[in-house]
Amino acid sequence: MRRAASKKTGQSNSNVNSSATDLFRSASSKANSKELERIDSLFYSYANGSSGVIDPEGIEALCADMEIDHTDLRILMLAWKMKSEEQGYFTLDEWRRGLKALRADTVSKLKKALPDLEKEVRRQSNFSDFYSYAFQYCLTEEKQKSIDIESICELLTLVLGSTFPVQVSLFVEYLKNQNDYKVVNMDQWMGFFRFCNEISFPSLNDYDPELAWPLILDNFVEWLREKHT
């Protein structure tokens, strides 16, 4: 009899635990559903009524509400977090992806999330991916594979200027004064990032032109050496 009673008690406890788990899952599901509704509502407050996406005008309005400039690097970081595919546009799926990850369903929460987002991007494990994304994000034409020098100089200053200020400043000066290149491609863009991370500066003692560096960097190093002689 005791065993039977014990068995019934065990079943009872199991049922209670199961019910508690179901209640928790139900509450969690409802909370997630409400959060998604608020995220969607926020999206549509900035989206273009005709296209159904947040366009450049909507992004400017969002920036104004967050009290930051639309050229602020953190907007590019937000696009990276959303995995936005087209410059100046956010789709609903991209918006959901980014804001759910940032746990932001209001403008205030989104603004407060930006400092942590910047820390996330600047982690060594993430920054190379962000740097690569920044280039791809600026390819606005179909089958475009390179970016003009003026735009590259602006992008370099925005994305890498605070991390490697001297190298970026000199590379921008070189790009603006040389006549061999009118555009920069992804290989050259990533090559400069590798250069900043691997080469001793300003000595350049460990730069070996025999290694697989893009020719534009060989020319840049030669220009630097001539500049300092």
C-alpha atoms as a PDB file:
ATOM      1  CA  MET A   1       0.000   0.000   0.000  1.00  0.00           C
ATOM      2  CA  ARG A   2       2.816   2.344   0.871  1.00  0.00           C
ATOM      3  CA  ARG A   3       4.436   1.668  -2.457  1.00  0.00           C
ATOM      4  CA  ALA A   4       1.213   2.470  -4.264  1.00  0.00           C
ATOM      5  CA  ALA A   5       0.846   5.699  -2.304  1.00  0.00           C
ATOM      6  CA  SER A   6       4.450   6.562  -3.067  1.00  0.00           C
ATOM      7  CA  LYS A   7       3.870   5.898  -6.740  1.00  0.00           C
ATOM      8  CA  LYS A   8       0.790   8.124  -6.777  1.00  0.00           C
ATOM      9  CA  THR A   9       2.700  10.914  -5.019  1.00  0.00           C
ATOM     10  CA  GLY A  10       5.472  10.626  -7.577  1.00  0.00           C
ATOM     11  CA  GLN A  11       2.988  10.872 -10.406  1.00  0.00           C
ATOM     12  CA  SER A  12       1.352  13.852  -8.716  1.00  0.00           C
ATOM     13  CA  ASN A  13       4.698  15.662  -8.394  1.00  0.00           C
ATOM     14  CA  SER A  14       5.475  14.887 -12.024  1.00  0.00           C
ATOM     15  CA  ASN A  15       2.141  16.330 -13.103  1.00  0.00           C
ATOM     16  CA  VAL A  16       2.728  19.500 -11.052  1.00  0.00           C
ATOM     17  CA  ASN A  17       6.181  19.971 -12.573  1.00  0.00           C
ATOM     18  CA  SER A  18       4.795  19.406 -16.060  1.00  0.00           C
ATOM     19  CA  SER A  19       2.010  21.927 -15.466  1.00  0.00           C
ATOM     20  CA  ALA A  20       4.473  24.492 -14.142  1.00  0.00           C
ATOM     21  CA  THR A  21       6.701  24.003 -17.187  1.00  0.00           C
ATOM     22  CA  ASP A  22       3.721  24.394 -19.528  1.00  0.00           C
ATOM     23  CA  LEU A  23       2.660  27.588 -17.753  1.00  0.00           C
ATOM     24  CA  PHE A  24       6.178  29.000 -18.019  1.00  0.00           C
ATOM     25  CA  ARG A  25       6.387  28.146 -21.721  1.00  0.00           C
ATOM     26  CA  SER A  26       2.972  29.695 -22.329  1.00  0.00           C
ATOM     27  CA  ALA A  27       3.913  32.899 -20.475  1.00  0.00           C
ATOM     28  CA  SER A  28       7.244  33.061 -22.282  1.00  0.00           C
ATOM     29  CA  SER A  29       5.546  32.528 -25.650  1.00  0.00           C
ATOM     30  CA  LYS A  30       3.026  35.292 -24.924  1.00  0.00           C
ATOM     31  CA  ALA A  31       5.829  37.658 -23.848  1.00  0.00           C
ATOM     32  CA  ASN A  32       7.777  36.930 -27.036  1.00  0.00           C
ATOM     33  CA  SER A  33       4.637  37.449 -29.094  1.00  0.00           C
ATOM     34  CA  LYS A  34       3.987  40.825 -27.444  1.00  0.00           C
ATOM     35  CA  GLU A  35       7.616  41.855 -27.955  1.00  0.00           C
ATOM     36  CA  LEU A  36       7.420  40.935 -31.643  1.00  0.00           C
ATOM     37  CA  GLU A  37       4.205  42.960 -31.988  1.00  0.00           C
ATOM     38  CA  ARG A  38       5.975  46.017 -30.544  1.00  0.00           C
ATOM     39  CA  ILE A  39       8.998  45.463 -32.806  1.00  0.00           C
ATOM     40  CA  ASP A  40       6.703  45.224 -35.842  1.00  0.00           C
ATOM     41  CA  SER A  41       4.739  48.290 -34.767  1.00  0.00           C
ATOM     42  CA  LEU A  42       7.974  50.265 -34.443  1.00  0.00           C
ATOM     43  CA  PHE A  43       9.031  49.094 -37.907  1.00  0.00           C
ATOM     44  CA  TYR A  44       5.818  50.296 -39.539  1.00  0.00           C
ATOM     45  CA  SER A  45       6.124  53.689 -37.844  1.00  0.00           C
ATOM     46  CA  TYR A  46       9.236  54.280 -39.992  1.00  0.00           C
ATOM     47  CA  ALA A  47       8.456  52.165 -43.067  1.00  0.00           C
ATOM     48  CA  ASN A  48       7.409  53.626 -46.380  1.00  0.00           C
ATOM     49  CA  GLY A  49       3.708  52.903 -46.842  1.00  0.00           C
ATOM     50  CA  SER A  50       4.135  52.065 -50.526  1.00  0.00           C
ATOM     51  CA  SER A  51       7.263  49.903 -50.489  1.00  0.00           C
ATOM     52  CA  GLY A  52       6.732  48.333 -47.065  1.00  0.00           C
ATOM     53  CA  VAL A  53      10.401  48.818 -46.104  1.00  0.00           C
ATOM     54  CA  ILE A  54      12.297  51.416 -44.108  1.00  0.00           C
ATOM     55  CA  ASP A  55      13.962  53.577 -46.750  1.00  0.00           C
ATOM     56  CA  PRO A  56      16.638  56.317 -46.398  1.00  0.00           C
ATOM     57  CA  GLU A  57      13.986  58.826 -45.298  1.00  0.00           C
ATOM     58  CA  GLY A  58      12.755  56.412 -42.629  1.00  0.00           C
ATOM     59  CA  ILE A  59      16.308  55.780 -41.416  1.00  0.00           C
ATOM     60  CA  GLU A  60      16.879  59.529 -41.106  1.00  0.00           C
ATOM     61  CA  ALA A  61      13.688  59.810 -39.054  1.00  0.00           C
ATOM     62  CA  LEU A  62      14.852  56.931 -36.826  1.00  0.00           C
ATOM     63  CA  CYS A  63      18.224  58.628 -36.350  1.00  0.00           C
ATOM     64  CA  ALA A  64      16.525  61.902 -35.462  1.00  0.00           C
ATOM     65  CA  ASP A  65      14.428  60.125 -32.825  1.00  0.00           C
ATOM     66  CA  MET A  66      17.563  58.483 -31.401  1.00  0.00           C
ATOM     67  CA  GLU A  67      19.326  61.867 -31.558  1.00  0.00           C
ATOM     68  CA  ILE A  68      22.236  60.632 -33.669  1.00  0.00           C
ATOM     69  CA  ASP A  69      23.417  61.615 -37.139  1.00  0.00           C
ATOM     70  CA  HIS A  70      22.432  59.308 -39.999  1.00  0.00           C
ATOM     71  CA  THR A  71      26.143  59.092 -40.938  1.00  0.00           C
ATOM     72  CA  ASP A  72      27.036  57.782 -37.448  1.00  0.00           C
ATOM     73  CA  LEU A  73      29.061  54.558 -37.595  1.00  0.00           C
ATOM     74  CA  ARG A  74      26.600  52.911 -35.213  1.00  0.00           C
ATOM     75  CA  ILE A  75      23.932  52.969 -37.932  1.00  0.00           C
ATOM     76  CA  LEU A  76      26.248  50.856 -40.077  1.00  0.00           C
ATOM     77  CA  MET A  77      26.760  48.597 -37.045  1.00  0.00           C
ATOM     78  CA  LEU A  78      22.982  48.314 -36.702  1.00  0.00           C
ATOM     79  CA  ALA A  79      22.742  47.337 -40.377  1.00  0.00           C
ATOM     80  CA  TRP A  80      25.421  44.677 -39.740  1.00  0.00           C
ATOM     81  CA  LYS A  81      23.438  43.332 -36.792  1.00  0.00           C
ATOM     82  CA  MET A  82      20.315  43.132 -38.945  1.00  0.00           C
ATOM     83  CA  LYS A  83      22.334  41.618 -41.828  1.00  0.00           C
ATOM     84  CA  SER A  84      20.794  44.263 -44.041  1.00  0.00           C
ATOM     85  CA  GLU A  85      21.446  43.525 -47.706  1.00  0.00           C
ATOM     86  CA  GLU A  86      20.689  46.871 -49.378  1.00  0.00           C
ATOM     87  CA  GLN A  87      22.300  50.138 -48.344  1.00  0.00           C
ATOM     88  CA  GLY A  88      19.809  52.567 -46.865  1.00  0.00           C
ATOM     89  CA  TYR A  89      16.961  50.050 -46.566  1.00  0.00           C
ATOM     90  CA  PHE A  90      15.711  47.760 -43.783  1.00  0.00           C
ATOM     91  CA  THR A  91      13.170  45.005 -44.493  1.00  0.00           C
ATOM     92  CA  LEU A  92      10.811  43.708 -41.815  1.00  0.00           C
ATOM     93  CA  ASP A  93      12.751  40.431 -41.496  1.00  0.00           C
ATOM     94  CA  GLU A  94      16.050  42.308 -41.111  1.00  0.00           C
ATOM     95  CA  TRP A  95      14.500  44.681 -38.569  1.00  0.00           C
ATOM     96  CA  ARG A  96      13.093  41.770 -36.536  1.00  0.00           C
ATOM     97  CA  ARG A  97      16.436  39.952 -36.621  1.00  0.00           C
ATOM     98  CA  GLY A  98      18.357  42.956 -35.328  1.00  0.00           C
ATOM     99  CA  LEU A  99      15.945  44.247 -32.721  1.00  0.00           C
ATOM    100  CA  LYS A 100      15.173  40.814 -31.266  1.00  0.00           C
ATOM    101  CA  ALA A 101      18.907  40.212 -30.853  1.00  0.00           C
ATOM    102  CA  LEU A 102      19.285  43.623 -29.198  1.00  0.00           C
ATOM    103  CA  ARG A 103      16.139  43.084 -27.069  1.00  0.00           C
ATOM    104  CA  ALA A 104      14.869  46.464 -28.225  1.00  0.00           C
ATOM    105  CA  ASP A 105      11.189  47.088 -28.960  1.00  0.00           C
ATOM    106  CA  THR A 106      11.181  50.871 -28.483  1.00  0.00           C
ATOM    107  CA  VAL A 107      13.345  53.724 -29.786  1.00  0.00           C
ATOM    108  CA  SER A 108      14.580  54.349 -26.251  1.00  0.00           C
ATOM    109  CA  LYS A 109      15.708  50.725 -25.809  1.00  0.00           C
ATOM    110  CA  LEU A 110      17.340  50.750 -29.245  1.00  0.00           C
ATOM    111  CA  LYS A 111      19.312  53.875 -28.395  1.00  0.00           C
ATOM    112  CA  LYS A 112      20.394  52.355 -25.077  1.00  0.00           C
ATOM    113  CA  ALA A 113      21.500  49.181 -26.907  1.00  0.00           C
ATOM    114  CA  LEU A 114      23.929  51.029 -29.210  1.00  0.00           C
ATOM    115  CA  PRO A 115      26.911  51.192 -26.792  1.00  0.00           C
ATOM    116  CA  ASP A 116      26.774  47.413 -26.234  1.00  0.00           C
ATOM    117  CA  LEU A 117      26.361  46.870 -29.977  1.00  0.00           C
ATOM    118  CA  GLU A 118      29.497  48.920 -30.599  1.00  0.00           C
ATOM    119  CA  LYS A 119      31.407  46.831 -28.035  1.00  0.00           C
ATOM    120  CA  GLU A 120      30.175  43.668 -29.757  1.00  0.00           C
ATOM    121  CA  VAL A 121      31.303  44.888 -33.187  1.00  0.00           C
ATOM    122  CA  ARG A 122      34.719  45.964 -31.930  1.00  0.00           C
ATOM    123  CA  ARG A 123      35.498  42.555 -30.468  1.00  0.00           C
ATOM    124  CA  GLN A 124      38.376  41.013 -32.375  1.00  0.00           C
ATOM    125  CA  SER A 125      36.222  38.030 -33.295  1.00  0.00           C
ATOM    126  CA  ASN A 126      33.624  40.288 -34.954  1.00  0.00           C
ATOM    127  CA  PHE A 127      35.434  43.309 -36.331  1.00  0.00           C
ATOM    128  CA  SER A 128      36.921  41.630 -39.400  1.00  0.00           C
ATOM    129  CA  ASP A 129      33.436  40.476 -40.404  1.00  0.00           C
ATOM    130  CA  PHE A 130      32.045  43.982 -39.832  1.00  0.00           C
ATOM    131  CA  TYR A 131      34.886  45.544 -41.849  1.00  0.00           C
ATOM    132  CA  SER A 132      34.159  43.164 -44.733  1.00  0.00           C
ATOM    133  CA  TYR A 133      30.408  43.833 -44.423  1.00  0.00           C
ATOM    134  CA  ALA A 134      30.976  47.603 -44.612  1.00  0.00           C
ATOM    135  CA  PHE A 135      32.521  47.206 -48.079  1.00  0.00           C
ATOM    136  CA  GLN A 136      29.803  44.855 -49.354  1.00  0.00           C
ATOM    137  CA  TYR A 137      27.082  47.133 -47.979  1.00  0.00           C
ATOM    138  CA  CYS A 138      28.384  49.957 -50.163  1.00  0.00           C
ATOM    139  CA  LEU A 139      28.121  47.929 -53.373  1.00  0.00           C
ATOM    140  CA  THR A 140      24.882  49.530 -54.486  1.00  0.00           C
ATOM    141  CA  GLU A 141      24.782  48.451 -58.129  1.00  0.00           C
ATOM    142  CA  GLU A 142      24.130  44.963 -59.498  1.00  0.00           C
ATOM    143  CA  LYS A 143      27.391  43.068 -60.179  1.00  0.00           C
ATOM    144  CA  GLN A 144      29.409  45.974 -58.682  1.00  0.00           C
ATOM    145  CA  LYS A 145      32.719  44.707 -57.270  1.00  0.00           C
ATOM    146  CA  SER A 146      34.668  47.880 -56.532  1.00  0.00           C
ATOM    147  CA  ILE A 147      34.169  51.320 -54.949  1.00  0.00           C
ATOM    148  CA  ASP A 148      35.469  54.668 -56.198  1.00  0.00           C
ATOM    149  CA  ILE A 149      38.413  56.278 -54.409  1.00  0.00           C
ATOM    150  CA  GLU A 150      36.470  59.189 -52.914  1.00  0.00           C
ATOM    151  CA  SER A 151      33.888  56.881 -51.343  1.00  0.00           C
ATOM    152  CA  ILE A 152      36.579  54.448 -50.139  1.00  0.00           C
ATOM    153  CA  CYS A 153      38.411  57.279 -48.385  1.00  0.00           C
ATOM    154  CA  GLU A 154      35.217  58.275 -46.573  1.00  0.00           C
ATOM    155  CA  LEU A 155      34.430  54.667 -45.670  1.00  0.00           C
ATOM    156  CA  LEU A 156      37.957  53.967 -44.402  1.00  0.00           C
ATOM    157  CA  THR A 157      37.857  57.048 -42.198  1.00  0.00           C
ATOM    158  CA  LEU A 158      34.446  56.091 -40.813  1.00  0.00           C
ATOM    159  CA  VAL A 159      35.090  52.382 -40.218  1.00  0.00           C
ATOM    160  CA  LEU A 160      38.794  52.187 -39.377  1.00  0.00           C
ATOM    161  CA  GLY A 161      39.841  55.759 -38.591  1.00  0.00           C
ATOM    162  CA  SER A 162      39.392  55.500 -34.826  1.00  0.00           C
ATOM    163  CA  THR A 163      41.219  52.145 -34.621  1.00  0.00           C
ATOM    164  CA  PHE A 164      44.246  52.923 -36.806  1.00  0.00           C
ATOM    165  CA  PRO A 165      44.160  56.732 -37.178  1.00  0.00           C
ATOM    166  CA  VAL A 166      47.701  57.257 -38.505  1.00  0.00           C
ATOM    167  CA  GLN A 167      47.668  54.389 -41.017  1.00  0.00           C
ATOM    168  CA  VAL A 168      44.215  55.389 -42.300  1.00  0.00           C
ATOM    169  CA  SER A 169      45.125  59.059 -42.580  1.00  0.00           C
ATOM    170  CA  LEU A 170      48.256  58.274 -44.606  1.00  0.00           C
ATOM    171  CA  PHE A 171      46.528  55.699 -46.816  1.00  0.00           C
ATOM    172  CA  VAL A 172      43.745  58.184 -47.554  1.00  0.00           C
ATOM    173  CA  GLU A 173      46.366  60.814 -48.418  1.00  0.00           C
ATOM    174  CA  TYR A 174      48.090  58.333 -50.727  1.00  0.00           C
ATOM    175  CA  LEU A 175      44.838  57.310 -52.435  1.00  0.00           C
ATOM    176  CA  LYS A 176      43.873  60.920 -53.072  1.00  0.00           C
ATOM    177  CA  ASN A 177      47.252  61.797 -54.584  1.00  0.00           C
ATOM    178  CA  GLN A 178      48.007  58.716 -56.705  1.00  0.00           C
ATOM    179  CA  ASN A 179      46.851  58.239 -60.296  1.00  0.00           C
ATOM    180  CA  ASP A 180      47.128  54.461 -60.728  1.00  0.00           C
ATOM    181  CA  TYR A 181      43.831  53.463 -59.123  1.00  0.00           C
ATOM    182  CA  LYS A 182      40.364  54.858 -59.651  1.00  0.00           C
ATOM    183  CA  VAL A 183      38.581  52.167 -57.609  1.00  0.00           C
ATOM    184  CA  VAL A 184      39.333  49.737 -54.763  1.00  0.00           C
ATOM    185  CA  ASN A 185      38.122  46.118 -54.710  1.00  0.00           C
ATOM    186  CA  MET A 186      37.420  43.756 -51.802  1.00  0.00           C
ATOM    187  CA  ASP A 187      40.860  42.114 -51.927  1.00  0.00           C
ATOM    188  CA  GLN A 188      42.561  45.511 -51.620  1.00  0.00           C
ATOM    189  CA  TRP A 189      40.124  46.610 -48.902  1.00  0.00           C
ATOM    190  CA  MET A 190      40.778  43.510 -46.782  1.00  0.00           C
ATOM    191  CA  GLY A 191      44.491  43.708 -47.568  1.00  0.00           C
ATOM    192  CA  PHE A 192      44.707  47.121 -45.931  1.00  0.00           C
ATOM    193  CA  PHE A 193      42.962  45.762 -42.823  1.00  0.00           C
ATOM    194  CA  ARG A 194      45.530  42.961 -42.656  1.00  0.00           C
ATOM    195  CA  PHE A 195      48.300  45.519 -43.178  1.00  0.00           C
ATOM    196  CA  CYS A 196      47.078  47.573 -40.197  1.00  0.00           C
ATOM    197  CA  ASN A 197      46.919  44.506 -37.958  1.00  0.00           C
ATOM    198  CA  GLU A 198      50.169  42.799 -38.982  1.00  0.00           C
ATOM    199  CA  ILE A 199      52.728  45.405 -40.037  1.00  0.00           C
ATOM    200  CA  SER A 200      54.847  47.382 -37.563  1.00  0.00           C
ATOM    201  CA  PHE A 201      54.128  51.049 -38.012  1.00  0.00           C
ATOM    202  CA  PRO A 202      55.731  53.450 -38.782  1.00  0.00           C
ATOM    203  CA  SER A 203      58.936  51.373 -39.229  1.00  0.00           C
ATOM    204  CA  LEU A 204      57.393  48.961 -41.801  1.00  0.00           C
ATOM    205  CA  ASN A 205      60.373  46.680 -41.088  1.00  0.00           C
ATOM    206  CA  ASP A 206      58.325  43.499 -41.407  1.00  0.00           C
ATOM    207  CA  TYR A 207      56.610  44.427 -44.671  1.00  0.00           C
ATOM    208  CA  ASP A 208      57.748  41.985 -47.345  1.00  0.00           C
ATOM    209  CA  PRO A 209      56.552  42.833 -50.888  1.00  0.00           C
ATOM    210  CA  GLU A 210      57.393  39.258 -51.922  1.00  0.00           C
ATOM    211  CA  LEU A 211      54.475  38.023 -49.830  1.00  0.00           C
ATOM    212  CA  ALA A 212      50.893  37.992 -51.122  1.00  0.00           C
ATOM    213  CA  TRP A 213      50.059  41.668 -50.625  1.00  0.00           C
ATOM    214  CA  PRO A 214      47.855  43.545 -53.118  1.00  0.00           C
ATOM    215  CA  LEU A 215      50.008  45.670 -55.432  1.00  0.00           C
ATOM    216  CA  ILE A 216      48.297  48.817 -54.173  1.00  0.00           C
ATOM    217  CA  LEU A 217      49.886  48.198 -50.757  1.00  0.00           C
ATOM    218  CA  ASP A 218      53.348  47.668 -52.283  1.00  0.00           C
ATOM    219  CA  ASN A 219      52.925  51.056 -53.912  1.00  0.00           C
ATOM    220  CA  PHE A 220      51.633  52.592 -50.682  1.00  0.00           C
ATOM    221  CA  VAL A 221      54.654  51.333 -48.722  1.00  0.00           C
ATOM    222  CA  GLU A 222      57.008  52.624 -51.404  1.00  0.00           C
ATOM    223  CA  TRP A 223      55.247  55.998 -51.238  1.00  0.00           C
ATOM    224  CA  LEU A 224      55.571  56.035 -47.438  1.00  0.00           C
ATOM    225  CA  ARG A 225      59.302  55.276 -47.573  1.00  0.00           C
ATOM    226  CA  GLU A 226      59.896  57.996 -50.127  1.00  0.00           C
ATOM    227  CA  LYS A 227      57.829  60.405 -48.033  1.00  0.00           C
ATOM    228  CA  HIS A 228      60.019  59.792 -44.976  1.00  0.00           C
ATOM    229  CA  THR A 229      63.432  60.008 -46.707  1.00  0.00           C
END
